[in-house]
Structures are given as structure tokens and as C-alpha cells.
Amino acid sequence: MKEMLRRGQDEIENDSRYLHNRMARRIAVRFIGTLFCYEIGLMLFFLLIVILAEASGIYYDLGLSAVKSVLVALMYFAFILFSILGCCYITYRFMLRPLSYLDDVMEAARELTHPTEAPIILANELESIQDDMNAVREDALRNKKAAEEAERRKDDLLVYLAHDLRTPLTSIIGYLRLIEEDPDLQTESFERYVGTAREKTEQLEDMINEFFEITRFNTHSLVLNKVSVNLSRMLNQIAFEFQPLLKEKEQEWRLEIPDGVEIICDPDKLGRALSNLIQSISSYSFSKAEIGLKVKQRITTVKICIEGSGETISPEILEHVFDRFYRTDSTKKGERDGAGIGLAIAKELIGAHQGTVRAYSDSGINGYEIELPADCGINSL
């Protein structure tokens, strides 16, 4: 990886040197050409004066024949003087031009601190720099829009979670007051109230954990502890752990996991990513639906598919399901819990394993397709 980066930097430096040399040659050619044209033009001008003076006989008409040699000497002096002055002026202008280019580039660089939709326009000689600056400007605009969108979603999330936190807390306080106000409460009612309060407390705990999850996701870099793992056994274990969740929705597993699939990965982080994806599929699948978990082993990669039957998801939603803090309308209305970071975390963790994940929805089948290298990018570290 370091060797590739070094080669890339060398190529950029070589391209930069080539562009600088080409620009220098172009300016030198223009400078010499301008000097040559000026000298030729000046010579032709003075030659024309001499020809006209000889042809008109002005020397004899004005009685200047005696001082003709002096006039010729003055003409040579004037020619040399204008030649030197002209060369100095041209040289000054060509020396000033790079400084004006530098001013233009500095002004364009200042514009990049607050990029706008208007393109940066420089002189023709600076076309390559202009293209690079416009590319940086477009990247900055895209990053700015993405940051603003993420900030907006985060603000929305805080509003949703503040409301969601208040709802179970109000219920807990309400049931505890009922128990406190009625000391002779029947055992059945007492157990029902306590059970409901416990469920709301667990719901409140999950939401608080989501706040911690957001903080960890924003501030911690991913460090993978890769080991050789039996992926078949790991997926069967995850499927077993999800049995209670699927049972609540009367859903069932449809497992297609061949034995002996080996992979090099961080089992904790990869397991967490797969758990987030499974929980999402279960949430978006119908009651009594089958949740498919399929594994296909190839020569250098492993493909995992998680899918279930549910309402078809629009392409507009699929485009953003892995964005941080993204919540669909059904999530905002409370039909599904979540802060909108579970799928983003899953994509981040799978990407850290040099893998890819994509969402699909077609004819009522929603799913995620994960593709991982068998060594999970261990050679690239």
C-alpha cells in the first residue's frame, strides 16, 4: 500500500514538473517571438524613413546634405535606444505576467475557502491549474452539502429521540404512581404494571445506548483484530441468537449455509454488522415471513445474502439506507425504532474488512448482499 502511494505521489510530481516545463517553454517561445517581431518591426520602420528621405530628396531641399552623416548617426542612435527601451519594456511585461498569474491563483485559492457554484476561470496558460481548482471546488461543494445533510438529519434525530425518550419515561412514572397510590393493588394488576414498567425501562435503555452508539461512531476509528474464523459456525450462532426476535414476529429462518466456510476477519465487528443487517430485514419483513440467510463461497470471496418478504422499498429510500441518521417516514412515525445509524455502522464495518454491501428490493423481496474477500483485505494492511 505504501509503495502504491509513493508511486502515485511520484506520478503527480512528474505530471506537475511536466506541466511547469511546458508552461515555461510556451512563455519563453512567446517572449523570444515578441522580441523578434519588435526588432524586425523597428528595423522596418527606420528603414522606411530612410527610403522615404532618400526618395523625396529632403536632404537637398532643406540644405541638410552637409550634416547627413550626423543625421544617420542620430538615426542609428535612436534605433538602438528604442530597441533597448522596447526590449526592456517587453521583458518587464513578461516578468510581470507570472506575478499576475500568481495573484489570480491566490485569489482563486481564497475563493475555495468559501466555494460557490460559479466556476474558477484563469488564463489559458493556467488551464491545468484551473481544472484542478474546479475539481477541488466541486469536491468541497459536495462535502459541504453532505455535511449539511448529515447535520440536518442529526438535528432531526435528536428531536425524534427526545420525543421517544419522553414517551417511555412518562409511562414508567405513570405506572409507578399507580402502584404507589394503591397499596392494596391486586397481585395480577401489580405484576402487569411492573412488567409494563420494566419493558418501558428496557426500551429507554436501548434508546440511551443509541446515544452512546452515535458518540462512538463519530469519534472512534476502527481497529480490526483479524483471526481465522469458521464463518458457517458464526452465522449459525447468530441465527440461533435471533430466534427470540423472529419468534415474536412469527418469522422463521431459511438457512442455506454450507459447512466449513473459513474467512479471516474480526468476528466481533463482522458479527455486529451482520446482526444490524438481520435486524433491519426482520423489521422490514412481514409477520410470518421467512428470513433467508444464504452463503456462497467462491475462490477468493464469500457472498452473504440476507433477505425477507415485505413491502417493496422505493429506489429513493434504497439510495440512502446506509447514510448516517437516515430514517424513513415509517421510522419517524414510530413504526420502527432506530436512530438511523445501524446500517451506516454495518457498511462501515464491512468496508473496514475490504468488503461491499448493497441493498435491493424487488417484487416484495428486500435484502442485503454482502461480498467479502476470503482474507478480508489482510494483505493490504
Protein backbone atom coordinates (compact mmCIF):
# COMPACT_ATOMS: atom_id res chain seq x y z
CA MET A 1 0.00 0.00 0.00
CA LYS A 2 2.79 2.42 0.93
CA GLU A 3 4.58 1.56 -2.33
CA MET A 4 1.41 2.33 -4.31
CA LEU A 5 1.00 5.66 -2.50
CA ARG A 6 4.65 6.53 -3.16
CA ARG A 7 4.28 5.70 -6.86
CA GLY A 8 1.11 7.80 -7.01
CA GLN A 9 2.88 10.77 -5.43
CA ASP A 10 5.80 10.36 -7.85
CA GLU A 11 3.39 10.35 -10.80
CA ILE A 12 1.72 13.54 -9.53
CA GLU A 13 5.10 15.23 -9.07
CA ASN A 14 6.20 14.15 -12.56
CA ASP A 15 2.96 15.47 -14.07
CA SER A 16 3.44 18.75 -12.21
CA ARG A 17 7.02 19.10 -13.46
CA TYR A 18 5.89 18.33 -17.00
CA LEU A 19 3.17 20.99 -16.86
CA HIS A 20 5.56 23.56 -15.39
CA ASN A 21 8.19 22.84 -18.05
CA ARG A 22 5.60 23.05 -20.81
CA MET A 23 4.31 26.38 -19.49
CA ALA A 24 7.89 27.72 -19.17
CA ARG A 25 8.69 26.70 -22.76
CA ARG A 26 5.49 28.31 -24.00
CA ILE A 27 6.27 31.60 -22.22
CA ALA A 28 9.89 31.52 -23.47
CA VAL A 29 8.77 31.00 -27.06
CA ARG A 30 6.29 33.86 -26.80
CA PHE A 31 8.94 36.11 -25.20
CA ILE A 32 11.53 35.44 -27.91
CA GLY A 33 8.89 35.74 -30.63
CA THR A 34 7.70 39.08 -29.27
CA LEU A 35 11.25 40.43 -29.08
CA PHE A 36 12.00 39.24 -32.60
CA CYS A 37 8.82 40.78 -34.04
CA TYR A 38 9.50 44.06 -32.22
CA GLU A 39 13.07 44.28 -33.54
CA ILE A 40 12.00 43.44 -37.09
CA GLY A 41 9.19 45.98 -36.92
CA LEU A 42 11.53 48.65 -35.56
CA MET A 43 14.10 47.98 -38.27
CA LEU A 44 11.45 48.16 -40.99
CA PHE A 45 10.14 51.42 -39.54
CA PHE A 46 13.55 53.11 -39.59
CA LEU A 47 14.34 51.61 -42.99
CA LEU A 48 11.10 53.07 -44.33
CA ILE A 49 12.10 56.50 -43.00
CA VAL A 50 15.47 56.27 -44.77
CA ILE A 51 13.89 55.17 -48.02
CA LEU A 52 11.32 57.97 -47.94
CA ALA A 53 14.01 60.55 -47.10
CA GLU A 54 16.23 59.44 -49.98
CA ALA A 55 13.35 59.24 -52.44
CA SER A 56 11.97 62.68 -51.58
CA GLY A 57 15.38 64.44 -51.63
CA ILE A 58 14.58 66.04 -48.30
CA TYR A 59 18.26 66.42 -47.52
CA TYR A 60 18.82 68.69 -50.54
CA ASP A 61 15.57 70.64 -50.27
CA LEU A 62 16.30 71.62 -46.68
CA GLY A 63 20.03 72.06 -47.23
CA LEU A 64 20.91 69.21 -44.87
CA SER A 65 23.30 67.38 -47.17
CA ALA A 66 26.30 68.67 -45.14
CA VAL A 67 25.02 67.09 -41.92
CA LYS A 68 23.68 63.91 -43.49
CA SER A 69 26.25 61.77 -41.71
CA VAL A 70 25.23 63.30 -38.40
CA LEU A 71 21.54 62.57 -39.08
CA VAL A 72 22.36 58.99 -40.00
CA ALA A 73 24.29 58.61 -36.74
CA LEU A 74 21.35 60.07 -34.80
CA MET A 75 19.04 57.62 -36.57
CA TYR A 76 21.25 54.71 -35.55
CA PHE A 77 21.31 56.05 -32.00
CA ALA A 78 17.53 56.38 -31.99
CA PHE A 79 17.19 52.85 -33.35
CA ILE A 80 19.45 51.44 -30.64
CA LEU A 81 17.71 53.50 -27.96
CA PHE A 82 14.20 52.39 -28.99
CA SER A 83 15.45 48.83 -29.37
CA ILE A 84 16.82 48.79 -25.80
CA LEU A 85 13.78 50.53 -24.35
CA GLY A 86 11.40 48.24 -26.22
CA CYS A 87 13.27 45.09 -25.12
CA CYS A 88 13.27 46.33 -21.52
CA TYR A 89 9.51 47.01 -21.63
CA ILE A 90 8.73 43.63 -23.20
CA THR A 91 10.95 41.88 -20.66
CA TYR A 92 9.22 43.76 -17.85
CA ARG A 93 5.78 42.78 -19.13
CA PHE A 94 6.75 39.11 -19.42
CA MET A 95 8.28 39.17 -15.94
CA LEU A 96 5.12 40.79 -14.60
CA ARG A 97 2.85 38.19 -16.19
CA PRO A 98 3.81 35.26 -13.86
CA LEU A 99 3.21 37.57 -10.90
CA SER A 100 -0.25 38.38 -12.23
CA TYR A 101 -0.81 34.64 -12.69
CA LEU A 102 0.22 34.15 -9.06
CA ASP A 103 -2.25 36.84 -7.96
CA ASP A 104 -5.00 35.11 -9.95
CA VAL A 105 -4.18 31.75 -8.38
CA MET A 106 -4.11 33.25 -4.87
CA GLU A 107 -7.47 34.90 -5.47
CA ALA A 108 -8.88 31.60 -6.73
CA ALA A 109 -7.45 29.83 -3.65
CA ARG A 110 -9.23 32.35 -1.42
CA GLU A 111 -12.46 31.59 -3.26
CA LEU A 112 -12.01 27.90 -2.42
CA THR A 113 -12.38 28.72 1.30
CA HIS A 114 -16.00 29.67 0.52
CA PRO A 115 -16.77 27.76 -2.70
CA THR A 116 -19.70 28.75 -4.88
CA GLU A 117 -21.38 27.26 -7.92
CA ALA A 118 -19.54 29.74 -10.19
CA PRO A 119 -16.52 28.06 -11.84
CA ILE A 120 -12.98 29.35 -11.37
CA ILE A 121 -11.63 30.92 -14.56
CA LEU A 122 -7.90 31.53 -15.08
CA ALA A 123 -5.70 32.44 -18.03
CA ASN A 124 -5.28 29.91 -20.84
CA GLU A 125 -1.72 29.19 -19.67
CA LEU A 126 -3.14 28.09 -16.30
CA GLU A 127 -5.74 25.72 -17.73
CA SER A 128 -4.42 22.67 -15.87
CA ILE A 129 -4.40 24.58 -12.55
CA GLN A 130 -7.88 25.88 -13.33
CA ASP A 131 -9.16 22.32 -13.89
CA ASP A 132 -7.57 21.11 -10.63
CA MET A 133 -9.06 24.02 -8.67
CA ASN A 134 -12.51 23.45 -10.14
CA ALA A 135 -12.26 19.78 -9.20
CA VAL A 136 -11.37 20.79 -5.62
CA ARG A 137 -14.23 23.32 -5.64
CA GLU A 138 -16.74 20.66 -6.74
CA ASP A 139 -15.48 18.21 -4.10
CA ALA A 140 -15.74 20.93 -1.45
CA LEU A 141 -19.31 21.71 -2.50
CA ARG A 142 -20.27 18.05 -2.39
CA ASN A 143 -18.67 17.62 1.05
CA LYS A 144 -20.37 20.77 2.31
CA LYS A 145 -23.77 19.58 1.13
CA ALA A 146 -23.18 16.13 2.62
CA ALA A 147 -22.14 17.68 5.96
CA GLU A 148 -25.18 19.94 5.99
CA GLU A 149 -27.44 17.00 5.19
CA ALA A 150 -25.84 14.88 7.94
CA GLU A 151 -26.18 17.75 10.41
CA ARG A 152 -29.83 18.21 9.47
CA ARG A 153 -30.51 14.51 9.96
CA LYS A 154 -28.69 14.57 13.27
CA ASP A 155 -30.80 17.51 14.44
CA ASP A 156 -33.94 15.65 13.34
CA LEU A 157 -32.70 12.58 15.16
CA LEU A 158 -32.27 14.50 18.40
CA VAL A 159 -35.85 15.75 18.11
CA TYR A 160 -37.15 12.22 17.45
CA LEU A 161 -35.14 10.67 20.27
CA ALA A 162 -36.10 13.43 22.72
CA HIS A 163 -39.74 12.65 21.97
CA ASP A 164 -39.13 8.89 22.10
CA LEU A 165 -37.30 9.17 25.42
CA ARG A 166 -40.11 11.15 26.97
CA THR A 167 -42.77 8.61 25.96
CA PRO A 168 -41.46 5.55 27.91
CA LEU A 169 -40.33 7.75 30.79
CA THR A 170 -43.87 9.13 31.14
CA SER A 171 -45.27 5.59 31.11
CA ILE A 172 -42.81 4.42 33.76
CA ILE A 173 -43.66 7.33 36.06
CA GLY A 174 -47.37 6.74 35.46
CA TYR A 175 -47.28 3.03 36.38
CA LEU A 176 -45.09 3.66 39.42
CA ARG A 177 -47.57 6.29 40.66
CA LEU A 178 -50.43 3.82 40.21
CA ILE A 179 -48.57 1.30 42.38
CA GLU A 180 -47.70 3.98 44.94
CA GLU A 181 -51.25 5.36 45.17
CA ASP A 182 -52.91 1.95 45.57
CA PRO A 183 -51.12 -0.08 48.27
CA ASP A 184 -53.91 -2.72 48.15
CA LEU A 185 -53.38 -3.34 44.43
CA GLN A 186 -54.23 -6.86 43.36
CA THR A 187 -51.32 -9.16 42.56
CA GLU A 188 -52.35 -9.54 38.91
CA SER A 189 -52.54 -5.78 38.33
CA PHE A 190 -49.32 -5.24 40.29
CA GLU A 191 -47.44 -7.73 38.10
CA ARG A 192 -48.90 -6.20 34.94
CA TYR A 193 -47.86 -2.70 35.97
CA VAL A 194 -44.38 -3.81 36.99
CA GLY A 195 -43.97 -5.80 33.77
CA THR A 196 -45.03 -2.84 31.64
CA ALA A 197 -42.71 -0.52 33.57
CA ARG A 198 -39.84 -2.98 33.06
CA GLU A 199 -40.50 -3.13 29.29
CA LYS A 200 -40.53 0.67 29.08
CA THR A 201 -37.31 0.79 31.12
CA GLU A 202 -35.63 -1.62 28.70
CA GLN A 203 -36.88 0.47 25.79
CA LEU A 204 -35.44 3.56 27.49
CA GLU A 205 -32.12 1.76 27.98
CA ASP A 206 -31.97 0.87 24.28
CA MET A 207 -32.51 4.50 23.31
CA ILE A 208 -29.80 5.70 25.71
CA ASN A 209 -27.45 3.11 24.24
CA GLU A 210 -28.16 4.60 20.83
CA PHE A 211 -26.89 7.95 22.07
CA PHE A 212 -23.64 6.29 23.16
CA GLU A 213 -23.51 4.49 19.81
CA ILE A 214 -23.69 7.81 17.95
CA THR A 215 -20.79 9.18 20.01
CA ARG A 216 -18.65 6.11 19.44
CA PHE A 217 -19.43 6.07 15.74
CA ASN A 218 -18.37 9.71 15.35
CA THR A 219 -15.22 9.71 17.46
CA HIS A 220 -13.62 6.24 17.32
CA SER A 221 -11.57 4.91 14.45
CA LEU A 222 -11.99 1.25 13.55
CA VAL A 223 -9.26 -1.15 14.63
CA LEU A 224 -9.76 -4.74 13.46
CA ASN A 225 -8.44 -7.78 15.32
CA LYS A 226 -8.39 -10.30 12.49
CA VAL A 227 -8.30 -14.04 13.09
CA SER A 228 -9.27 -17.11 11.12
CA VAL A 229 -12.98 -17.78 11.68
CA ASN A 230 -15.37 -20.57 10.73
CA LEU A 231 -17.99 -18.36 9.09
CA SER A 232 -20.51 -21.22 8.85
CA ARG A 233 -20.47 -21.75 12.60
CA MET A 234 -20.53 -18.00 13.26
CA LEU A 235 -23.63 -17.44 11.08
CA ASN A 236 -25.46 -20.40 12.62
CA GLN A 237 -24.73 -18.95 16.07
CA ILE A 238 -26.06 -15.52 15.02
CA ALA A 239 -29.18 -17.17 13.57
CA PHE A 240 -29.75 -19.00 16.85
CA GLU A 241 -29.40 -15.76 18.85
CA PHE A 242 -32.07 -14.11 16.67
CA GLN A 243 -34.61 -16.90 17.25
CA PRO A 244 -36.46 -14.98 20.04
CA LEU A 245 -36.75 -11.84 17.88
CA LEU A 246 -38.09 -13.80 14.93
CA LYS A 247 -40.44 -15.75 17.17
CA GLU A 248 -42.06 -12.51 18.38
CA LYS A 249 -42.97 -11.72 14.76
CA GLU A 250 -43.79 -15.35 13.95
CA GLN A 251 -40.96 -15.31 11.41
CA GLU A 252 -38.78 -18.29 10.55
CA TRP A 253 -35.25 -18.82 9.30
CA ARG A 254 -34.44 -20.24 5.87
CA LEU A 255 -30.76 -21.08 6.20
CA GLU A 256 -28.52 -22.05 3.30
CA ILE A 257 -25.13 -22.16 4.98
CA PRO A 258 -22.61 -24.73 3.71
CA ASP A 259 -20.23 -26.25 6.25
CA GLY A 260 -16.59 -25.35 6.52
CA VAL A 261 -16.60 -21.81 5.12
CA GLU A 262 -13.45 -20.16 6.50
CA ILE A 263 -12.67 -16.45 6.49
CA ILE A 264 -10.11 -14.11 8.07
CA CYS A 265 -11.93 -11.28 9.85
CA ASP A 266 -12.68 -9.55 13.14
CA PRO A 267 -15.53 -11.81 14.34
CA ASP A 268 -16.94 -9.30 16.82
CA LYS A 269 -17.20 -6.41 14.37
CA LEU A 270 -18.31 -8.51 11.41
CA GLY A 271 -20.88 -10.24 13.62
CA ARG A 272 -22.17 -6.87 14.73
CA ALA A 273 -22.52 -5.70 11.12
CA LEU A 274 -24.42 -8.85 10.15
CA SER A 275 -26.65 -8.53 13.24
CA ASN A 276 -27.58 -4.97 12.26
CA LEU A 277 -28.48 -6.12 8.76
CA ILE A 278 -30.53 -9.08 10.03
CA GLN A 279 -32.41 -6.86 12.48
CA SER A 280 -33.18 -4.43 9.65
CA ILE A 281 -34.50 -7.20 7.38
CA SER A 282 -36.64 -8.61 10.17
CA SER A 283 -38.04 -5.13 10.85
CA TYR A 284 -38.97 -4.58 7.20
CA SER A 285 -40.40 -8.07 6.64
CA PHE A 286 -43.99 -9.19 7.09
CA SER A 287 -45.16 -11.16 10.08
CA LYS A 288 -44.80 -14.93 9.47
CA ALA A 289 -42.27 -14.24 6.70
CA GLU A 290 -39.23 -16.40 6.06
CA ILE A 291 -35.88 -14.68 6.65
CA GLY A 292 -33.30 -16.05 4.25
CA LEU A 293 -29.61 -16.31 5.14
CA LYS A 294 -27.54 -17.69 2.26
CA VAL A 295 -23.79 -18.10 1.87
CA LYS A 296 -21.90 -18.76 -1.37
CA GLN A 297 -18.19 -19.46 -1.25
CA ARG A 298 -16.10 -18.55 -4.27
CA ILE A 299 -12.38 -18.86 -4.98
CA THR A 300 -11.31 -15.59 -3.38
CA THR A 301 -14.56 -14.16 -1.99
CA VAL A 302 -17.54 -15.06 0.15
CA LYS A 303 -21.04 -13.81 -0.67
CA ILE A 304 -23.72 -13.48 2.03
CA CYS A 305 -27.38 -12.69 1.27
CA ILE A 306 -29.93 -11.72 3.90
CA GLU A 307 -33.48 -11.23 2.64
CA GLY A 308 -37.14 -11.34 3.58
CA SER A 309 -40.55 -10.64 2.07
CA GLY A 310 -42.13 -7.27 2.78
CA GLU A 311 -43.33 -4.09 1.16
CA THR A 312 -41.20 -3.10 -1.81
CA ILE A 313 -38.86 -0.25 -0.89
CA SER A 314 -38.57 2.63 -3.34
CA PRO A 315 -35.22 3.33 -5.07
CA GLU A 316 -35.14 6.77 -3.40
CA ILE A 317 -35.06 5.14 0.04
CA LEU A 318 -32.61 2.42 -1.02
CA GLU A 319 -30.22 5.13 -2.16
CA HIS A 320 -29.95 6.49 1.40
CA VAL A 321 -30.43 3.46 3.66
CA PHE A 322 -26.70 3.38 4.52
CA ASP A 323 -26.49 7.12 5.24
CA ARG A 324 -25.90 8.17 8.82
CA PHE A 325 -29.00 9.29 10.76
CA TYR A 326 -31.30 8.43 7.85
CA ARG A 327 -34.77 7.43 8.95
CA THR A 328 -37.70 6.59 6.72
CA ASP A 329 -41.15 8.06 7.25
CA SER A 330 -42.28 4.87 8.97
CA THR A 331 -39.35 5.14 11.40
CA LYS A 332 -40.14 8.77 12.15
CA LYS A 333 -43.72 7.84 12.95
CA GLY A 334 -42.51 5.26 15.45
CA GLU A 335 -43.42 2.19 13.44
CA ARG A 336 -39.80 1.05 13.64
CA ASP A 337 -37.27 2.01 16.27
CA GLY A 338 -33.79 3.19 15.45
CA ALA A 339 -31.54 6.20 15.31
CA GLY A 340 -30.68 5.66 11.68
CA ILE A 341 -27.09 4.57 12.30
CA GLY A 342 -27.33 0.77 12.44
CA LEU A 343 -26.98 0.29 8.68
CA ALA A 344 -24.34 3.02 8.44
CA ILE A 345 -22.30 1.21 11.09
CA ALA A 346 -22.77 -2.08 9.23
CA LYS A 347 -21.47 -0.56 6.00
CA GLU A 348 -18.52 1.00 7.84
CA LEU A 349 -17.56 -2.31 9.46
CA ILE A 350 -17.91 -4.29 6.23
CA GLY A 351 -15.90 -1.65 4.38
CA ALA A 352 -13.16 -1.95 7.01
CA HIS A 353 -12.96 -5.63 6.02
CA GLN A 354 -12.45 -4.53 2.37
CA GLY A 355 -15.95 -5.77 1.60
CA THR A 356 -19.05 -4.28 0.00
CA VAL A 357 -22.73 -4.27 0.88
CA ARG A 358 -25.72 -3.24 -1.20
CA ALA A 359 -29.44 -3.09 -0.58
CA TYR A 360 -32.03 -4.36 -3.04
CA SER A 361 -35.82 -4.57 -3.21
CA ASP A 362 -37.73 -6.25 -6.00
CA SER A 363 -41.24 -7.69 -6.17
CA GLY A 364 -41.69 -7.68 -2.40
CA ILE A 365 -38.27 -9.22 -1.62
CA ASN A 366 -35.99 -6.94 0.38
CA GLY A 367 -32.42 -7.86 1.14
CA TYR A 368 -28.77 -7.08 1.60
CA GLU A 369 -25.94 -8.61 -0.39
CA ILE A 370 -22.53 -8.66 1.29
CA GLU A 371 -19.35 -9.64 -0.52
CA LEU A 372 -16.15 -10.17 1.45
CA PRO A 373 -12.66 -11.25 0.39
CA ALA A 374 -11.70 -14.56 1.99
CA ASP A 375 -8.78 -12.83 3.72
CA CYS A 376 -10.79 -9.62 4.31
CA GLY A 377 -8.03 -7.44 2.95
CA ILE A 378 -5.36 -8.70 5.32
CA ASN A 379 -2.73 -8.34 2.57
CA SER A 380 -3.50 -4.64 2.19
CA LEU A 381 -2.67 -3.76 5.78
